[in-house]
């Protein structure tokens, strides 16, 4: 299993909100694309439906871990509609054993 997996709970206001999203892993000047994003087709009504955010999807994002330098920090970037609508998570590999 040469992969690094992340699970993201995502929310949107359209049943098709997952069609435009992207997830990347940034490490310094390198940007890694995921090998796989599972869950984009599995959207359901959220607890606040029909109010915003009306829909939820749990994504499972996998990256090729042979390209990642685990001695350096990284950022997981979730983009809904380009960089203007994004969330960045700090990833600290020193806590991984």
C-alpha atoms as a PDB file:
ATOM      1  CA  UNK A   1       0.000   0.000   0.000  1.00  0.00           C
ATOM      2  CA  UNK A   2       2.109   2.869  -1.279  1.00  0.00           C
ATOM      3  CA  UNK A   3      -0.465   5.498  -0.501  1.00  0.00           C
ATOM      4  CA  UNK A   4      -1.253   8.185   2.027  1.00  0.00           C
ATOM      5  CA  UNK A   5      -4.989   8.503   2.718  1.00  0.00           C
ATOM      6  CA  UNK A   6      -7.036  11.415   4.037  1.00  0.00           C
ATOM      7  CA  UNK A   7     -10.739  11.511   4.878  1.00  0.00           C
ATOM      8  CA  UNK A   8     -12.601  14.795   4.371  1.00  0.00           C
ATOM      9  CA  UNK A   9     -16.208  15.529   5.316  1.00  0.00           C
ATOM     10  CA  UNK A  10     -17.361  18.109   2.762  1.00  0.00           C
ATOM     11  CA  UNK A  11     -20.526  20.196   2.539  1.00  0.00           C
ATOM     12  CA  UNK A  12     -22.290  22.036  -0.285  1.00  0.00           C
ATOM     13  CA  UNK A  13     -25.613  23.493  -1.334  1.00  0.00           C
ATOM     14  CA  UNK A  14     -26.085  21.525  -4.557  1.00  0.00           C
ATOM     15  CA  UNK A  15     -26.441  17.750  -4.998  1.00  0.00           C
ATOM     16  CA  UNK A  16     -23.650  18.032  -7.613  1.00  0.00           C
ATOM     17  CA  UNK A  17     -21.250  20.134  -5.507  1.00  0.00           C
ATOM     18  CA  UNK A  18     -18.567  17.414  -5.530  1.00  0.00           C
ATOM     19  CA  UNK A  19     -18.203  17.507  -9.328  1.00  0.00           C
ATOM     20  CA  UNK A  20     -16.044  20.676  -9.262  1.00  0.00           C
ATOM     21  CA  UNK A  21     -13.936  20.068  -6.182  1.00  0.00           C
ATOM     22  CA  UNK A  22     -10.216  19.322  -6.160  1.00  0.00           C
ATOM     23  CA  UNK A  23      -7.773  18.200  -3.480  1.00  0.00           C
ATOM     24  CA  UNK A  24      -3.980  18.537  -3.678  1.00  0.00           C
ATOM     25  CA  UNK A  25      -1.074  17.989  -1.314  1.00  0.00           C
ATOM     26  CA  UNK A  26       1.516  20.778  -1.316  1.00  0.00           C
ATOM     27  CA  UNK A  27       5.023  20.325   0.014  1.00  0.00           C
ATOM     28  CA  UNK A  28       7.283  23.294  -0.544  1.00  0.00           C
ATOM     29  CA  UNK A  29       7.098  24.144  -4.244  1.00  0.00           C
ATOM     30  CA  UNK A  30       5.771  20.685  -5.165  1.00  0.00           C
ATOM     31  CA  UNK A  31       2.073  20.060  -5.696  1.00  0.00           C
ATOM     32  CA  UNK A  32       0.875  16.447  -5.713  1.00  0.00           C
ATOM     33  CA  UNK A  33      -2.338  15.357  -7.386  1.00  0.00           C
ATOM     34  CA  UNK A  34      -4.267  12.513  -5.736  1.00  0.00           C
ATOM     35  CA  UNK A  35      -4.114   8.997  -7.125  1.00  0.00           C
ATOM     36  CA  UNK A  36      -7.773   8.610  -6.297  1.00  0.00           C
ATOM     37  CA  UNK A  37     -10.718  10.494  -4.754  1.00  0.00           C
ATOM     38  CA  UNK A  38     -13.508   8.188  -3.616  1.00  0.00           C
ATOM     39  CA  UNK A  39     -16.918   9.419  -2.468  1.00  0.00           C
ATOM     40  CA  UNK A  40     -17.567  12.166  -5.022  1.00  0.00           C
ATOM     41  CA  UNK A  41     -20.638  10.257  -6.253  1.00  0.00           C
ATOM     42  CA  UNK A  42     -21.899   9.555  -2.742  1.00  0.00           C
ATOM     43  CA  UNK A  43     -23.704  12.783  -1.734  1.00  0.00           C
ATOM     44  CA  UNK A  44     -26.529  12.825   0.790  1.00  0.00           C
ATOM     45  CA  UNK A  45     -28.721  15.353   2.568  1.00  0.00           C
ATOM     46  CA  UNK A  46     -27.040  16.957   5.570  1.00  0.00           C
ATOM     47  CA  UNK A  47     -28.615  17.418   8.983  1.00  0.00           C
ATOM     48  CA  UNK A  48     -29.516  21.002   8.076  1.00  0.00           C
ATOM     49  CA  UNK A  49     -31.293  20.140   4.794  1.00  0.00           C
ATOM     50  CA  UNK A  50     -32.977  22.069   3.122  1.00  0.00           C
ATOM     51  CA  UNK A  51     -31.051  24.930   4.727  1.00  0.00           C
ATOM     52  CA  UNK A  52     -27.376  25.520   3.938  1.00  0.00           C
ATOM     53  CA  UNK A  53     -25.278  23.474   3.873  1.00  0.00           C
ATOM     54  CA  UNK A  54     -27.857  21.122   2.433  1.00  0.00           C
ATOM     55  CA  UNK A  55     -25.594  18.255   1.280  1.00  0.00           C
ATOM     56  CA  UNK A  56     -22.670  16.278   2.660  1.00  0.00           C
ATOM     57  CA  UNK A  57     -20.121  13.896   1.174  1.00  0.00           C
ATOM     58  CA  UNK A  58     -17.282  12.015   2.846  1.00  0.00           C
ATOM     59  CA  UNK A  59     -14.274  11.922   0.537  1.00  0.00           C
ATOM     60  CA  UNK A  60     -11.383   9.487   0.745  1.00  0.00           C
ATOM     61  CA  UNK A  61      -8.335  11.001  -0.951  1.00  0.00           C
ATOM     62  CA  UNK A  62      -5.208   8.922  -1.702  1.00  0.00           C
ATOM     63  CA  UNK A  63      -1.730  10.160  -2.639  1.00  0.00           C
ATOM     64  CA  UNK A  64       1.314   8.217  -3.811  1.00  0.00           C
ATOM     65  CA  UNK A  65       3.500   8.158  -0.694  1.00  0.00           C
ATOM     66  CA  UNK A  66       6.664   7.306  -2.644  1.00  0.00           C
ATOM     67  CA  UNK A  67       6.798  10.930  -3.819  1.00  0.00           C
ATOM     68  CA  UNK A  68       6.269  12.544  -0.403  1.00  0.00           C
ATOM     69  CA  UNK A  69       9.151  13.624   1.842  1.00  0.00           C
ATOM     70  CA  UNK A  70       7.921  12.642   5.307  1.00  0.00           C
ATOM     71  CA  UNK A  71      10.678  14.681   6.966  1.00  0.00           C
ATOM     72  CA  UNK A  72       9.022  17.936   5.822  1.00  0.00           C
ATOM     73  CA  UNK A  73       5.621  19.451   6.639  1.00  0.00           C
ATOM     74  CA  UNK A  74       2.924  19.634   3.991  1.00  0.00           C
ATOM     75  CA  UNK A  75      -0.474  21.181   3.342  1.00  0.00           C
ATOM     76  CA  UNK A  76      -3.638  19.446   2.214  1.00  0.00           C
ATOM     77  CA  UNK A  77      -5.667  21.891   0.120  1.00  0.00           C
ATOM     78  CA  UNK A  78      -9.376  21.350  -0.541  1.00  0.00           C
ATOM     79  CA  UNK A  79     -10.679  23.573  -3.368  1.00  0.00           C
ATOM     80  CA  UNK A  80     -14.383  23.836  -4.084  1.00  0.00           C
ATOM     81  CA  UNK A  81     -14.325  26.391  -6.890  1.00  0.00           C
ATOM     82  CA  UNK A  82     -10.684  27.153  -7.512  1.00  0.00           C
ATOM     83  CA  UNK A  83      -8.341  28.819  -5.058  1.00  0.00           C
ATOM     84  CA  UNK A  84     -10.850  31.540  -4.159  1.00  0.00           C
ATOM     85  CA  UNK A  85     -12.935  28.946  -2.274  1.00  0.00           C
ATOM     86  CA  UNK A  86     -10.420  26.706  -0.549  1.00  0.00           C
ATOM     87  CA  UNK A  87      -9.425  25.347   2.834  1.00  0.00           C
ATOM     88  CA  UNK A  88      -5.841  24.494   3.771  1.00  0.00           C
ATOM     89  CA  UNK A  89      -4.933  21.943   6.440  1.00  0.00           C
ATOM     90  CA  UNK A  90      -1.407  21.730   7.879  1.00  0.00           C
ATOM     91  CA  UNK A  91       0.020  18.190   7.818  1.00  0.00           C
ATOM     92  CA  UNK A  92       2.721  17.333  10.364  1.00  0.00           C
ATOM     93  CA  UNK A  93       4.371  14.044   9.408  1.00  0.00           C
ATOM     94  CA  UNK A  94       6.521  14.005  12.572  1.00  0.00           C
ATOM     95  CA  UNK A  95       3.507  12.567  14.393  1.00  0.00           C
ATOM     96  CA  UNK A  96       3.237   9.607  11.969  1.00  0.00           C
ATOM     97  CA  UNK A  97       5.014   6.421  13.039  1.00  0.00           C
END
